[in-house]
């Protein structure tokens, strides 16, 4: 059980940190505007995406958040990462699309261990 807790928290903290750091980068770095244009996305979308990343990261990170909210946060972050992969591949970025794929894998591991812990607690 301790191993499960360590895996859950390690992957959750890493994913949340990446989401929070990238949200700040998207919101406050003017060079990102050009990257969003390159991907064919409108400029205002980077602010919306930053807000979604912050809310999702906080929801999966903070203990005591209701399970349904956490599950919506996991779903939302999954959509964010899958969309990033598609956007980079569609723009011909190639290897750049591997970064979101790596963190998508970590998000999946985080969710699987969250679910395992949540079900174990609920049934005990």
PDB file of N, CA and C in Angstrom:
ATOM      1  N   UNK A   1       0.817  -1.196   0.000  1.00  0.00           N
ATOM      2  CA  UNK A   1       0.000   0.000   0.000  1.00  0.00           C
ATOM      3  C   UNK A   1       0.865   1.266   0.000  1.00  0.00           C
ATOM      4  N   UNK A   2       2.000   1.214   0.723  1.00  0.00           N
ATOM      5  CA  UNK A   2       2.887   2.369   0.769  1.00  0.00           C
ATOM      6  C   UNK A   2       3.474   2.657  -0.615  1.00  0.00           C
ATOM      7  N   UNK A   3       3.814   1.599  -1.354  1.00  0.00           N
ATOM      8  CA  UNK A   3       4.348   1.767  -2.708  1.00  0.00           C
ATOM      9  C   UNK A   3       3.316   2.467  -3.588  1.00  0.00           C
ATOM     10  N   UNK A   4       2.055   2.068  -3.483  1.00  0.00           N
ATOM     11  CA  UNK A   4       0.986   2.689  -4.269  1.00  0.00           C
ATOM     12  C   UNK A   4       0.869   4.177  -3.960  1.00  0.00           C
ATOM     13  N   UNK A   5       0.964   4.513  -2.689  1.00  0.00           N
ATOM     14  CA  UNK A   5       0.856   5.912  -2.266  1.00  0.00           C
ATOM     15  C   UNK A   5       2.014   6.736  -2.826  1.00  0.00           C
ATOM     16  N   UNK A   6       3.208   6.164  -2.796  1.00  0.00           N
ATOM     17  CA  UNK A   6       4.387   6.865  -3.322  1.00  0.00           C
ATOM     18  C   UNK A   6       4.254   7.077  -4.827  1.00  0.00           C
ATOM     19  N   UNK A   7       3.846   6.049  -5.545  1.00  0.00           N
ATOM     20  CA  UNK A   7       3.672   6.175  -6.999  1.00  0.00           C
ATOM     21  C   UNK A   7       2.605   7.216  -7.310  1.00  0.00           C
ATOM     22  N   UNK A   8       1.490   7.161  -6.578  1.00  0.00           N
ATOM     23  CA  UNK A   8       0.404   8.130  -6.802  1.00  0.00           C
ATOM     24  C   UNK A   8       0.902   9.556  -6.591  1.00  0.00           C
ATOM     25  N   UNK A   9       1.523   9.813  -5.443  1.00  0.00           N
ATOM     26  CA  UNK A   9       1.934  11.179  -5.144  1.00  0.00           C
ATOM     27  C   UNK A   9       3.066  11.653  -6.049  1.00  0.00           C
ATOM     28  N   UNK A  10       4.003  10.788  -6.374  1.00  0.00           N
ATOM     29  CA  UNK A  10       5.110  11.187  -7.252  1.00  0.00           C
ATOM     30  C   UNK A  10       4.593  11.601  -8.625  1.00  0.00           C
ATOM     31  N   UNK A  11       3.750  10.772  -9.223  1.00  0.00           N
ATOM     32  CA  UNK A  11       3.239  11.106 -10.559  1.00  0.00           C
ATOM     33  C   UNK A  11       2.302  12.310 -10.507  1.00  0.00           C
ATOM     34  N   UNK A  12       1.499  12.402  -9.468  1.00  0.00           N
ATOM     35  CA  UNK A  12       0.559  13.518  -9.351  1.00  0.00           C
ATOM     36  C   UNK A  12       1.294  14.841  -9.180  1.00  0.00           C
ATOM     37  N   UNK A  13       2.301  14.866  -8.327  1.00  0.00           N
ATOM     38  CA  UNK A  13       3.064  16.097  -8.098  1.00  0.00           C
ATOM     39  C   UNK A  13       3.812  16.509  -9.366  1.00  0.00           C
ATOM     40  N   UNK A  14       4.399  15.560 -10.061  1.00  0.00           N
ATOM     41  CA  UNK A  14       5.123  15.893 -11.296  1.00  0.00           C
ATOM     42  C   UNK A  14       4.172  16.462 -12.344  1.00  0.00           C
ATOM     43  N   UNK A  15       3.045  15.799 -12.567  1.00  0.00           N
ATOM     44  CA  UNK A  15       2.083  16.283 -13.568  1.00  0.00           C
ATOM     45  C   UNK A  15       1.542  17.653 -13.162  1.00  0.00           C
ATOM     46  N   UNK A  16       1.176  17.817 -11.901  1.00  0.00           N
ATOM     47  CA  UNK A  16       0.644  19.103 -11.441  1.00  0.00           C
ATOM     48  C   UNK A  16       1.695  20.204 -11.592  1.00  0.00           C
ATOM     49  N   UNK A  17       2.940  19.909 -11.255  1.00  0.00           N
ATOM     50  CA  UNK A  17       4.006  20.902 -11.389  1.00  0.00           C
ATOM     51  C   UNK A  17       4.201  21.305 -12.847  1.00  0.00           C
ATOM     52  N   UNK A  18       4.200  20.335 -13.738  1.00  0.00           N
ATOM     53  CA  UNK A  18       4.354  20.633 -15.167  1.00  0.00           C
ATOM     54  C   UNK A  18       3.187  21.491 -15.660  1.00  0.00           C
ATOM     55  N   UNK A  19       1.985  21.160 -15.228  1.00  0.00           N
ATOM     56  CA  UNK A  19       0.814  21.938 -15.642  1.00  0.00           C
ATOM     57  C   UNK A  19       0.893  23.370 -15.103  1.00  0.00           C
ATOM     58  N   UNK A  20       1.279  23.534 -13.849  1.00  0.00           N
ATOM     59  CA  UNK A  20       1.368  24.871 -13.254  1.00  0.00           C
ATOM     60  C   UNK A  20       2.485  25.698 -13.889  1.00  0.00           C
ATOM     61  N   UNK A  21       3.635  25.080 -14.104  1.00  0.00           N
ATOM     62  CA  UNK A  21       4.754  25.799 -14.727  1.00  0.00           C
ATOM     63  C   UNK A  21       4.408  26.194 -16.160  1.00  0.00           C
ATOM     64  N   UNK A  22       3.827  25.260 -16.915  1.00  0.00           N
ATOM     65  CA  UNK A  22       3.483  25.590 -18.304  1.00  0.00           C
ATOM     66  C   UNK A  22       2.356  26.617 -18.360  1.00  0.00           C
ATOM     67  N   UNK A  23       1.446  26.597 -17.392  1.00  0.00           N
ATOM     68  CA  UNK A  23       0.380  27.603 -17.355  1.00  0.00           C
ATOM     69  C   UNK A  23       0.971  28.996 -17.164  1.00  0.00           C
ATOM     70  N   UNK A  24       1.921  29.127 -16.255  1.00  0.00           N
ATOM     71  CA  UNK A  24       2.587  30.420 -16.039  1.00  0.00           C
ATOM     72  C   UNK A  24       3.367  30.844 -17.281  1.00  0.00           C
ATOM     73  N   UNK A  25       4.045  29.893 -17.879  1.00  0.00           N
ATOM     74  CA  UNK A  25       4.811  30.169 -19.092  1.00  0.00           C
ATOM     75  C   UNK A  25       3.887  30.649 -20.212  1.00  0.00           C
ATOM     76  N   UNK A  26       2.767  29.960 -20.407  1.00  0.00           N
ATOM     77  CA  UNK A  26       1.811  30.345 -21.448  1.00  0.00           C
ATOM     78  C   UNK A  26       1.227  31.726 -21.175  1.00  0.00           C
ATOM     79  N   UNK A  27       0.910  32.014 -19.933  1.00  0.00           N
ATOM     80  CA  UNK A  27       0.226  33.260 -19.592  1.00  0.00           C
ATOM     81  C   UNK A  27       1.154  34.473 -19.618  1.00  0.00           C
ATOM     82  N   UNK A  28       2.411  34.298 -19.229  1.00  0.00           N
ATOM     83  CA  UNK A  28       3.275  35.453 -19.008  1.00  0.00           C
ATOM     84  C   UNK A  28       4.458  35.585 -19.963  1.00  0.00           C
ATOM     85  N   UNK A  29       4.666  34.643 -20.865  1.00  0.00           N
ATOM     86  CA  UNK A  29       5.785  34.716 -21.796  1.00  0.00           C
ATOM     87  C   UNK A  29       5.260  35.104 -23.176  1.00  0.00           C
ATOM     88  N   UNK A  30       5.678  36.264 -23.649  1.00  0.00           N
ATOM     89  CA  UNK A  30       5.186  36.757 -24.937  1.00  0.00           C
ATOM     90  C   UNK A  30       5.645  35.910 -26.119  1.00  0.00           C
ATOM     91  N   UNK A  31       6.734  35.176 -25.983  1.00  0.00           N
ATOM     92  CA  UNK A  31       7.193  34.313 -27.075  1.00  0.00           C
ATOM     93  C   UNK A  31       6.206  33.186 -27.367  1.00  0.00           C
ATOM     94  N   UNK A  32       5.389  32.853 -26.393  1.00  0.00           N
ATOM     95  CA  UNK A  32       4.421  31.772 -26.567  1.00  0.00           C
ATOM     96  C   UNK A  32       3.342  32.169 -27.576  1.00  0.00           C
ATOM     97  N   UNK A  33       3.097  33.462 -27.712  1.00  0.00           N
ATOM     98  CA  UNK A  33       2.102  33.917 -28.699  1.00  0.00           C
ATOM     99  C   UNK A  33       2.458  33.396 -30.085  1.00  0.00           C
ATOM    100  N   UNK A  34       3.726  33.469 -30.442  1.00  0.00           N
ATOM    101  CA  UNK A  34       4.178  32.976 -31.738  1.00  0.00           C
ATOM    102  C   UNK A  34       4.008  31.476 -31.875  1.00  0.00           C
ATOM    103  N   UNK A  35       4.244  30.765 -30.797  1.00  0.00           N
ATOM    104  CA  UNK A  35       4.076  29.306 -30.825  1.00  0.00           C
ATOM    105  C   UNK A  35       2.612  28.940 -31.036  1.00  0.00           C
ATOM    106  N   UNK A  36       1.715  29.667 -30.402  1.00  0.00           N
ATOM    107  CA  UNK A  36       0.288  29.395 -30.585  1.00  0.00           C
ATOM    108  C   UNK A  36      -0.147  29.721 -32.012  1.00  0.00           C
ATOM    109  N   UNK A  37       0.409  30.782 -32.582  1.00  0.00           N
ATOM    110  CA  UNK A  37       0.119  31.115 -33.978  1.00  0.00           C
ATOM    111  C   UNK A  37       0.629  30.008 -34.891  1.00  0.00           C
ATOM    112  N   UNK A  38       1.828  29.503 -34.621  1.00  0.00           N
ATOM    113  CA  UNK A  38       2.411  28.399 -35.395  1.00  0.00           C
ATOM    114  C   UNK A  38       1.508  27.165 -35.359  1.00  0.00           C
ATOM    115  N   UNK A  39       0.895  26.917 -34.217  1.00  0.00           N
ATOM    116  CA  UNK A  39       0.004  25.762 -34.076  1.00  0.00           C
ATOM    117  C   UNK A  39      -1.390  26.030 -34.644  1.00  0.00           C
ATOM    118  N   UNK A  40      -1.627  27.264 -35.098  1.00  0.00           N
ATOM    119  CA  UNK A  40      -2.926  27.601 -35.672  1.00  0.00           C
ATOM    120  C   UNK A  40      -3.985  27.916 -34.630  1.00  0.00           C
ATOM    121  N   UNK A  41      -3.549  28.302 -33.435  1.00  0.00           N
ATOM    122  CA  UNK A  41      -4.479  28.590 -32.343  1.00  0.00           C
ATOM    123  C   UNK A  41      -4.585  30.095 -32.124  1.00  0.00           C
ATOM    124  N   UNK A  42      -5.761  30.583 -31.733  1.00  0.00           N
ATOM    125  CA  UNK A  42      -5.910  32.018 -31.468  1.00  0.00           C
ATOM    126  C   UNK A  42      -5.147  32.424 -30.206  1.00  0.00           C
ATOM    127  N   UNK A  43      -4.743  33.676 -30.150  1.00  0.00           N
ATOM    128  CA  UNK A  43      -3.949  34.171 -29.033  1.00  0.00           C
ATOM    129  C   UNK A  43      -4.639  34.066 -27.688  1.00  0.00           C
ATOM    130  N   UNK A  44      -5.938  34.318 -27.655  1.00  0.00           N
ATOM    131  CA  UNK A  44      -6.656  34.275 -26.377  1.00  0.00           C
ATOM    132  C   UNK A  44      -6.712  32.862 -25.794  1.00  0.00           C
ATOM    133  N   UNK A  45      -6.521  31.862 -26.638  1.00  0.00           N
ATOM    134  CA  UNK A  45      -6.630  30.479 -26.169  1.00  0.00           C
ATOM    135  C   UNK A  45      -5.550  30.141 -25.140  1.00  0.00           C
ATOM    136  N   UNK A  46      -4.403  30.793 -25.237  1.00  0.00           N
ATOM    137  CA  UNK A  46      -3.332  30.488 -24.284  1.00  0.00           C
ATOM    138  C   UNK A  46      -3.724  30.881 -22.865  1.00  0.00           C
ATOM    139  N   UNK A  47      -4.528  31.942 -22.713  1.00  0.00           N
ATOM    140  CA  UNK A  47      -4.991  32.348 -21.384  1.00  0.00           C
ATOM    141  C   UNK A  47      -6.021  31.348 -20.867  1.00  0.00           C
ATOM    142  N   UNK A  48      -6.960  30.962 -21.725  1.00  0.00           N
ATOM    143  CA  UNK A  48      -7.956  29.956 -21.332  1.00  0.00           C
ATOM    144  C   UNK A  48      -7.274  28.647 -20.946  1.00  0.00           C
ATOM    145  N   UNK A  49      -6.296  28.252 -21.728  1.00  0.00           N
ATOM    146  CA  UNK A  49      -5.569  27.015 -21.458  1.00  0.00           C
ATOM    147  C   UNK A  49      -4.798  27.108 -20.140  1.00  0.00           C
ATOM    148  N   UNK A  50      -4.214  28.266 -19.878  1.00  0.00           N
ATOM    149  CA  UNK A  50      -3.496  28.472 -18.615  1.00  0.00           C
ATOM    150  C   UNK A  50      -4.432  28.324 -17.423  1.00  0.00           C
ATOM    151  N   UNK A  51      -5.605  28.916 -17.509  1.00  0.00           N
ATOM    152  CA  UNK A  51      -6.583  28.821 -16.420  1.00  0.00           C
ATOM    153  C   UNK A  51      -7.015  27.370 -16.220  1.00  0.00           C
ATOM    154  N   UNK A  52      -7.286  26.672 -17.312  1.00  0.00           N
ATOM    155  CA  UNK A  52      -7.705  25.264 -17.219  1.00  0.00           C
ATOM    156  C   UNK A  52      -6.607  24.406 -16.592  1.00  0.00           C
ATOM    157  N   UNK A  53      -5.360  24.659 -16.975  1.00  0.00           N
ATOM    158  CA  UNK A  53      -4.245  23.884 -16.415  1.00  0.00           C
ATOM    159  C   UNK A  53      -4.091  24.123 -14.915  1.00  0.00           C
ATOM    160  N   UNK A  54      -4.219  25.375 -14.485  1.00  0.00           N
ATOM    161  CA  UNK A  54      -4.103  25.689 -13.058  1.00  0.00           C
ATOM    162  C   UNK A  54      -5.222  25.011 -12.275  1.00  0.00           C
ATOM    163  N   UNK A  55      -6.453  25.146 -12.751  1.00  0.00           N
ATOM    164  CA  UNK A  55      -7.587  24.533 -12.047  1.00  0.00           C
ATOM    165  C   UNK A  55      -7.455  23.012 -11.995  1.00  0.00           C
ATOM    166  N   UNK A  56      -7.070  22.406 -13.111  1.00  0.00           N
ATOM    167  CA  UNK A  56      -6.905  20.953 -13.150  1.00  0.00           C
ATOM    168  C   UNK A  56      -5.790  20.476 -12.240  1.00  0.00           C
ATOM    169  N   UNK A  57      -4.664  21.178 -12.267  1.00  0.00           N
ATOM    170  CA  UNK A  57      -3.527  20.796 -11.424  1.00  0.00           C
ATOM    171  C   UNK A  57      -3.883  20.893  -9.945  1.00  0.00           C
ATOM    172  N   UNK A  58      -4.546  21.969  -9.570  1.00  0.00           N
ATOM    173  CA  UNK A  58      -4.935  22.123  -8.165  1.00  0.00           C
ATOM    174  C   UNK A  58      -5.944  21.058  -7.750  1.00  0.00           C
ATOM    175  N   UNK A  59      -6.865  20.732  -8.647  1.00  0.00           N
ATOM    176  CA  UNK A  59      -7.891  19.731  -8.319  1.00  0.00           C
ATOM    177  C   UNK A  59      -7.293  18.348  -8.089  1.00  0.00           C
ATOM    178  N   UNK A  60      -6.304  17.969  -8.891  1.00  0.00           N
ATOM    179  CA  UNK A  60      -5.725  16.632  -8.681  1.00  0.00           C
ATOM    180  C   UNK A  60      -4.729  16.627  -7.529  1.00  0.00           C
ATOM    181  N   UNK A  61      -4.195  17.790  -7.192  1.00  0.00           N
ATOM    182  CA  UNK A  61      -3.148  17.871  -6.178  1.00  0.00           C
ATOM    183  C   UNK A  61      -3.684  18.011  -4.755  1.00  0.00           C
ATOM    184  N   UNK A  62      -4.752  18.749  -4.578  1.00  0.00           N
ATOM    185  CA  UNK A  62      -5.244  19.056  -3.230  1.00  0.00           C
ATOM    186  C   UNK A  62      -6.075  17.899  -2.685  1.00  0.00           C
ATOM    187  N   UNK A  63      -5.666  17.348  -1.541  1.00  0.00           N
ATOM    188  CA  UNK A  63      -6.476  16.286  -0.925  1.00  0.00           C
ATOM    189  C   UNK A  63      -7.819  16.863  -0.453  1.00  0.00           C
ATOM    190  N   UNK A  64      -8.821  16.022  -0.436  1.00  0.00           N
ATOM    191  CA  UNK A  64     -10.124  16.455   0.051  1.00  0.00           C
ATOM    192  C   UNK A  64     -11.046  17.008  -1.018  1.00  0.00           C
ATOM    193  N   UNK A  65     -10.530  17.197  -2.220  1.00  0.00           N
ATOM    194  CA  UNK A  65     -11.394  17.624  -3.327  1.00  0.00           C
ATOM    195  C   UNK A  65     -12.322  16.449  -3.636  1.00  0.00           C
ATOM    196  N   UNK A  66     -13.616  16.697  -3.837  1.00  0.00           N
ATOM    197  CA  UNK A  66     -14.539  15.585  -4.130  1.00  0.00           C
ATOM    198  C   UNK A  66     -14.088  14.755  -5.338  1.00  0.00           C
ATOM    199  N   UNK A  67     -14.355  13.461  -5.251  1.00  0.00           N
ATOM    200  CA  UNK A  67     -13.906  12.515  -6.284  1.00  0.00           C
ATOM    201  C   UNK A  67     -14.399  12.906  -7.671  1.00  0.00           C
ATOM    202  N   UNK A  68     -15.635  13.341  -7.770  1.00  0.00           N
ATOM    203  CA  UNK A  68     -16.176  13.701  -9.087  1.00  0.00           C
ATOM    204  C   UNK A  68     -15.402  14.868  -9.694  1.00  0.00           C
ATOM    205  N   UNK A  69     -15.038  15.842  -8.886  1.00  0.00           N
ATOM    206  CA  UNK A  69     -14.251  16.985  -9.370  1.00  0.00           C
ATOM    207  C   UNK A  69     -12.881  16.504  -9.842  1.00  0.00           C
ATOM    208  N   UNK A  70     -12.246  15.636  -9.055  1.00  0.00           N
ATOM    209  CA  UNK A  70     -10.937  15.102  -9.447  1.00  0.00           C
ATOM    210  C   UNK A  70     -11.033  14.357 -10.773  1.00  0.00           C
ATOM    211  N   UNK A  71     -12.087  13.573 -10.942  1.00  0.00           N
ATOM    212  CA  UNK A  71     -12.231  12.821 -12.194  1.00  0.00           C
ATOM    213  C   UNK A  71     -12.427  13.757 -13.381  1.00  0.00           C
ATOM    214  N   UNK A  72     -13.192  14.836 -13.190  1.00  0.00           N
ATOM    215  CA  UNK A  72     -13.327  15.824 -14.262  1.00  0.00           C
ATOM    216  C   UNK A  72     -11.985  16.493 -14.546  1.00  0.00           C
ATOM    217  N   UNK A  73     -11.207  16.749 -13.513  1.00  0.00           N
ATOM    218  CA  UNK A  73      -9.888  17.355 -13.701  1.00  0.00           C
ATOM    219  C   UNK A  73      -8.967  16.422 -14.480  1.00  0.00           C
ATOM    220  N   UNK A  74      -8.975  15.140 -14.123  1.00  0.00           N
ATOM    221  CA  UNK A  74      -8.169  14.167 -14.876  1.00  0.00           C
ATOM    222  C   UNK A  74      -8.615  14.125 -16.339  1.00  0.00           C
ATOM    223  N   UNK A  75      -9.922  14.141 -16.569  1.00  0.00           N
ATOM    224  CA  UNK A  75     -10.431  14.119 -17.949  1.00  0.00           C
ATOM    225  C   UNK A  75     -10.004  15.376 -18.697  1.00  0.00           C
ATOM    226  N   UNK A  76     -10.126  16.520 -18.045  1.00  0.00           N
ATOM    227  CA  UNK A  76      -9.737  17.778 -18.678  1.00  0.00           C
ATOM    228  C   UNK A  76      -8.257  17.834 -19.010  1.00  0.00           C
ATOM    229  N   UNK A  77      -7.418  17.397 -18.088  1.00  0.00           N
ATOM    230  CA  UNK A  77      -5.977  17.393 -18.351  1.00  0.00           C
ATOM    231  C   UNK A  77      -5.614  16.391 -19.441  1.00  0.00           C
ATOM    232  N   UNK A  78      -6.353  15.292 -19.503  1.00  0.00           N
ATOM    233  CA  UNK A  78      -6.140  14.329 -20.594  1.00  0.00           C
ATOM    234  C   UNK A  78      -6.445  14.982 -21.934  1.00  0.00           C
ATOM    235  N   UNK A  79      -7.552  15.709 -22.001  1.00  0.00           N
ATOM    236  CA  UNK A  79      -7.919  16.410 -23.240  1.00  0.00           C
ATOM    237  C   UNK A  79      -6.849  17.437 -23.605  1.00  0.00           C
ATOM    238  N   UNK A  80      -6.350  18.169 -22.625  1.00  0.00           N
ATOM    239  CA  UNK A  80      -5.297  19.160 -22.867  1.00  0.00           C
ATOM    240  C   UNK A  80      -4.063  18.492 -23.474  1.00  0.00           C
ATOM    241  N   UNK A  81      -3.632  17.382 -22.896  1.00  0.00           N
ATOM    242  CA  UNK A  81      -2.412  16.720 -23.370  1.00  0.00           C
ATOM    243  C   UNK A  81      -2.605  16.039 -24.724  1.00  0.00           C
ATOM    244  N   UNK A  82      -3.738  15.388 -24.925  1.00  0.00           N
ATOM    245  CA  UNK A  82      -4.009  14.768 -26.233  1.00  0.00           C
ATOM    246  C   UNK A  82      -4.100  15.854 -27.303  1.00  0.00           C
ATOM    247  N   UNK A  83      -4.741  16.969 -26.990  1.00  0.00           N
ATOM    248  CA  UNK A  83      -4.841  18.077 -27.944  1.00  0.00           C
ATOM    249  C   UNK A  83      -3.470  18.653 -28.269  1.00  0.00           C
ATOM    250  N   UNK A  84      -2.590  18.722 -27.276  1.00  0.00           N
ATOM    251  CA  UNK A  84      -1.229  19.215 -27.519  1.00  0.00           C
ATOM    252  C   UNK A  84      -0.481  18.288 -28.472  1.00  0.00           C
ATOM    253  N   UNK A  85      -0.637  16.989 -28.272  1.00  0.00           N
ATOM    254  CA  UNK A  85       0.008  16.018 -29.164  1.00  0.00           C
ATOM    255  C   UNK A  85      -0.502  16.201 -30.587  1.00  0.00           C
ATOM    256  N   UNK A  86      -1.808  16.285 -30.746  1.00  0.00           N
ATOM    257  CA  UNK A  86      -2.408  16.447 -32.076  1.00  0.00           C
ATOM    258  C   UNK A  86      -1.955  17.754 -32.716  1.00  0.00           C
ATOM    259  N   UNK A  87      -1.957  18.848 -31.948  1.00  0.00           N
ATOM    260  CA  UNK A  87      -1.560  20.151 -32.493  1.00  0.00           C
ATOM    261  C   UNK A  87      -0.112  20.127 -32.971  1.00  0.00           C
ATOM    262  N   UNK A  88       0.775  19.537 -32.179  1.00  0.00           N
ATOM    263  CA  UNK A  88       2.189  19.483 -32.580  1.00  0.00           C
ATOM    264  C   UNK A  88       2.394  18.577 -33.793  1.00  0.00           C
ATOM    265  N   UNK A  89       1.739  17.437 -33.815  1.00  0.00           N
ATOM    266  CA  UNK A  89       1.869  16.543 -34.974  1.00  0.00           C
ATOM    267  C   UNK A  89       1.299  17.191 -36.235  1.00  0.00           C
ATOM    268  N   UNK A  90       0.174  17.883 -36.109  1.00  0.00           N
ATOM    269  CA  UNK A  90      -0.462  18.539 -37.258  1.00  0.00           C
ATOM    270  C   UNK A  90       0.379  19.683 -37.802  1.00  0.00           C
ATOM    271  N   UNK A  91       1.189  20.280 -36.946  1.00  0.00           N
ATOM    272  CA  UNK A  91       2.028  21.402 -37.362  1.00  0.00           C
ATOM    273  C   UNK A  91       3.399  20.964 -37.844  1.00  0.00           C
ATOM    274  N   UNK A  92       3.631  19.657 -37.853  1.00  0.00           N
ATOM    275  CA  UNK A  92       4.910  19.142 -38.325  1.00  0.00           C
ATOM    276  C   UNK A  92       6.034  19.264 -37.315  1.00  0.00           C
ATOM    277  N   UNK A  93       5.706  19.366 -36.045  1.00  0.00           N
ATOM    278  CA  UNK A  93       6.734  19.528 -35.015  1.00  0.00           C
ATOM    279  C   UNK A  93       7.447  18.227 -34.670  1.00  0.00           C
ATOM    280  N   UNK A  94       6.872  17.103 -35.033  1.00  0.00           N
ATOM    281  CA  UNK A  94       7.518  15.811 -34.833  1.00  0.00           C
ATOM    282  C   UNK A  94       7.865  15.499 -33.395  1.00  0.00           C
ATOM    283  N   UNK A  95       9.142  15.601 -33.060  1.00  0.00           N
ATOM    284  CA  UNK A  95       9.643  15.191 -31.748  1.00  0.00           C
ATOM    285  C   UNK A  95       9.039  16.015 -30.613  1.00  0.00           C
ATOM    286  N   UNK A  96       8.609  17.237 -30.880  1.00  0.00           N
ATOM    287  CA  UNK A  96       8.008  18.085 -29.841  1.00  0.00           C
ATOM    288  C   UNK A  96       6.721  17.481 -29.300  1.00  0.00           C
ATOM    289  N   UNK A  97       6.102  16.609 -30.085  1.00  0.00           N
ATOM    290  CA  UNK A  97       4.854  15.997 -29.631  1.00  0.00           C
ATOM    291  C   UNK A  97       5.094  14.899 -28.602  1.00  0.00           C
ATOM    292  N   UNK A  98       6.348  14.512 -28.389  1.00  0.00           N
ATOM    293  CA  UNK A  98       6.646  13.466 -27.410  1.00  0.00           C
ATOM    294  C   UNK A  98       6.577  13.967 -25.968  1.00  0.00           C
ATOM    295  N   UNK A  99       6.822  15.247 -25.745  1.00  0.00           N
ATOM    296  CA  UNK A  99       6.735  15.783 -24.380  1.00  0.00           C
ATOM    297  C   UNK A  99       5.339  15.591 -23.789  1.00  0.00           C
ATOM    298  N   UNK A 100       4.286  16.051 -24.469  1.00  0.00           N
ATOM    299  CA  UNK A 100       2.953  15.830 -23.889  1.00  0.00           C
ATOM    300  C   UNK A 100       2.601  14.350 -23.776  1.00  0.00           C
ATOM    301  N   UNK A 101       3.129  13.528 -24.658  1.00  0.00           N
ATOM    302  CA  UNK A 101       2.853  12.088 -24.589  1.00  0.00           C
ATOM    303  C   UNK A 101       3.442  11.488 -23.312  1.00  0.00           C
ATOM    304  N   UNK A 102       4.641  11.912 -22.955  1.00  0.00           N
ATOM    305  CA  UNK A 102       5.274  11.444 -21.724  1.00  0.00           C
ATOM    306  C   UNK A 102       4.433  11.824 -20.504  1.00  0.00           C
ATOM    307  N   UNK A 103       3.986  13.080 -20.464  1.00  0.00           N
ATOM    308  CA  UNK A 103       3.197  13.530 -19.315  1.00  0.00           C
ATOM    309  C   UNK A 103       1.785  12.955 -19.333  1.00  0.00           C
ATOM    310  N   UNK A 104       1.277  12.628 -20.499  1.00  0.00           N
ATOM    311  CA  UNK A 104      -0.003  11.919 -20.573  1.00  0.00           C
ATOM    312  C   UNK A 104       0.138  10.548 -19.917  1.00  0.00           C
ATOM    313  N   UNK A 105       1.241   9.877 -20.184  1.00  0.00           N
ATOM    314  CA  UNK A 105       1.495   8.589 -19.537  1.00  0.00           C
ATOM    315  C   UNK A 105       1.566   8.721 -18.026  1.00  0.00           C
ATOM    316  N   UNK A 106       2.225   9.770 -17.553  1.00  0.00           N
ATOM    317  CA  UNK A 106       2.295   9.997 -16.105  1.00  0.00           C
ATOM    318  C   UNK A 106       0.917  10.312 -15.529  1.00  0.00           C
ATOM    319  N   UNK A 107       0.121  11.067 -16.274  1.00  0.00           N
ATOM    320  CA  UNK A 107      -1.237  11.391 -15.821  1.00  0.00           C
ATOM    321  C   UNK A 107      -2.080  10.127 -15.713  1.00  0.00           C
ATOM    322  N   UNK A 108      -1.936   9.228 -16.670  1.00  0.00           N
ATOM    323  CA  UNK A 108      -2.676   7.958 -16.635  1.00  0.00           C
ATOM    324  C   UNK A 108      -2.267   7.149 -15.403  1.00  0.00           C
ATOM    325  N   UNK A 109      -0.970   7.076 -15.125  1.00  0.00           N
ATOM    326  CA  UNK A 109      -0.503   6.350 -13.938  1.00  0.00           C
ATOM    327  C   UNK A 109      -1.062   7.005 -12.672  1.00  0.00           C
ATOM    328  N   UNK A 110      -1.026   8.322 -12.612  1.00  0.00           N
ATOM    329  CA  UNK A 110      -1.579   9.037 -11.462  1.00  0.00           C
ATOM    330  C   UNK A 110      -3.050   8.695 -11.269  1.00  0.00           C
ATOM    331  N   UNK A 111      -3.807   8.729 -12.361  1.00  0.00           N
ATOM    332  CA  UNK A 111      -5.241   8.423 -12.252  1.00  0.00           C
ATOM    333  C   UNK A 111      -5.472   6.982 -11.819  1.00  0.00           C
ATOM    334  N   UNK A 112      -4.746   6.041 -12.387  1.00  0.00           N
ATOM    335  CA  UNK A 112      -4.933   4.632 -12.022  1.00  0.00           C
ATOM    336  C   UNK A 112      -4.660   4.406 -10.536  1.00  0.00           C
ATOM    337  N   UNK A 113      -3.623   5.039 -10.020  1.00  0.00           N
ATOM    338  CA  UNK A 113      -3.319   4.888  -8.592  1.00  0.00           C
ATOM    339  C   UNK A 113      -4.284   5.691  -7.723  1.00  0.00           C
ATOM    340  N   UNK A 114      -4.761   6.828  -8.221  1.00  0.00           N
ATOM    341  CA  UNK A 114      -5.809   7.560  -7.498  1.00  0.00           C
ATOM    342  C   UNK A 114      -7.047   6.680  -7.386  1.00  0.00           C
ATOM    343  N   UNK A 115      -7.452   6.104  -8.496  1.00  0.00           N
ATOM    344  CA  UNK A 115      -8.653   5.263  -8.514  1.00  0.00           C
ATOM    345  C   UNK A 115      -8.478   4.053  -7.596  1.00  0.00           C
ATOM    346  N   UNK A 116      -7.302   3.447  -7.655  1.00  0.00           N
ATOM    347  CA  UNK A 116      -7.018   2.287  -6.807  1.00  0.00           C
ATOM    348  C   UNK A 116      -7.117   2.666  -5.324  1.00  0.00           C
ATOM    349  N   UNK A 117      -6.557   3.813  -4.960  1.00  0.00           N
ATOM    350  CA  UNK A 117      -6.609   4.274  -3.569  1.00  0.00           C
ATOM    351  C   UNK A 117      -8.020   4.686  -3.183  1.00  0.00           C
ATOM    352  N   UNK A 118      -8.725   5.363  -4.078  1.00  0.00           N
ATOM    353  CA  UNK A 118     -10.078   5.838  -3.786  1.00  0.00           C
ATOM    354  C   UNK A 118     -11.029   4.668  -3.574  1.00  0.00           C
ATOM    355  N   UNK A 119     -10.944   3.681  -4.430  1.00  0.00           N
ATOM    356  CA  UNK A 119     -11.804   2.500  -4.300  1.00  0.00           C
ATOM    357  C   UNK A 119     -11.450   1.733  -3.033  1.00  0.00           C
ATOM    358  N   UNK A 120     -10.145   1.619  -2.723  1.00  0.00           N
ATOM    359  CA  UNK A 120      -9.720   0.901  -1.514  1.00  0.00           C
ATOM    360  C   UNK A 120     -10.235   1.598  -0.258  1.00  0.00           C
ATOM    361  N   UNK A 121     -10.175   2.920  -0.228  1.00  0.00           N
ATOM    362  CA  UNK A 121     -10.648   3.679   0.931  1.00  0.00           C
ATOM    363  C   UNK A 121     -12.163   3.595   1.039  1.00  0.00           C
ATOM    364  N   UNK A 122     -12.836   3.686  -0.094  1.00  0.00           N
ATOM    365  CA  UNK A 122     -14.298   3.673  -0.108  1.00  0.00           C
ATOM    366  C   UNK A 122     -14.851   2.328   0.367  1.00  0.00           C
ATOM    367  N   UNK A 123     -14.154   1.236   0.065  1.00  0.00           N
ATOM    368  CA  UNK A 123     -14.646  -0.099   0.411  1.00  0.00           C
ATOM    369  C   UNK A 123     -14.074  -0.636   1.721  1.00  0.00           C
ATOM    370  N   UNK A 124     -13.274   0.167   2.410  1.00  0.00           N
ATOM    371  CA  UNK A 124     -12.720  -0.341   3.675  1.00  0.00           C
ATOM    372  C   UNK A 124     -13.498   0.151   4.875  1.00  0.00           C
TER     373      UNK A 124
END
